[in-house]
Protein backbone atom coordinates (compact mmCIF):
# COMPACT_ATOMS: atom_id res chain seq x y z
CA MET A 1 -0.14 -0.38 0.04
CA SER A 2 1.63 3.21 -0.93
CA LYS A 3 2.37 5.98 1.59
CA ALA A 4 -0.45 8.22 0.58
CA VAL A 5 -3.32 5.51 0.80
CA GLU A 6 -2.32 4.72 4.45
CA ASP A 7 -2.38 8.49 5.50
CA LEU A 8 -5.70 9.01 3.81
CA GLN A 9 -6.67 6.01 5.58
CA MET A 10 -5.12 7.21 8.73
CA LEU A 11 -7.14 10.67 8.45
CA ARG A 12 -10.15 8.85 7.89
CA LEU A 13 -10.02 6.63 11.32
CA ILE A 14 -9.05 9.79 12.82
CA LYS A 15 -12.18 11.62 11.90
CA ALA A 16 -14.29 8.83 12.70
CA PHE A 17 -12.51 7.94 16.14
CA GLN A 18 -13.34 11.80 16.88
CA ARG A 19 -17.27 11.15 16.27
CA VAL A 20 -17.44 8.23 18.85
CA ARG A 21 -19.17 9.89 21.97
CA ASP A 22 -18.96 7.22 24.08
CA GLY A 23 -16.16 6.70 26.56
CA ASP A 24 -16.55 3.23 27.07
CA ALA A 25 -16.43 2.30 23.26
CA ARG A 26 -13.16 4.93 22.94
CA ARG A 27 -11.14 3.27 25.23
CA LYS A 28 -12.01 -0.11 23.68
CA ILE A 29 -10.89 1.34 20.32
CA VAL A 30 -7.73 2.78 22.14
CA LEU A 31 -7.11 -0.74 23.64
CA TYR A 32 -7.58 -2.50 20.40
CA VAL A 33 -5.29 -0.33 18.27
CA GLU A 34 -2.80 -0.78 21.20
CA GLU A 35 -2.72 -4.66 21.29
CA GLU A 36 -2.73 -4.54 17.16
CA ALA A 37 0.33 -2.03 17.13
CA GLN A 38 2.46 -4.48 19.44
CA ARG A 39 1.54 -7.69 17.36
CA GLU A 40 2.78 -5.47 14.77
CA ALA A 41 5.83 -4.40 16.38
CA GLN A 42 6.47 -8.23 17.64
CA LEU A 43 6.12 -9.36 14.04
CA LYS A 44 8.82 -6.87 12.44
CA THR A 45 11.19 -7.79 15.26
CA ARG A 46 11.00 -11.34 14.78
CA GLU A 47 13.75 -13.22 12.82
CA PRO A 48 12.65 -14.38 9.45
CA ALA A 49 12.81 -18.20 9.37
CA PRO A 50 15.53 -20.13 7.43
CA ALA A 51 13.75 -20.97 3.65
CA ARG A 52 13.63 -24.78 3.46
CA SER A 53 14.01 -26.45 0.11
């Protein structure tokens, strides 16, 4: 995905998050995003498995 598309998606998510008024829903969204960011960071730091022939 290109950087421009990712930036546009991020802006859309920010605008949608700002429209959420329920505090509990906002907390759940933040927790979910934090968990996903941690998972993604863990995947990036893992060593790639050696290729098998």
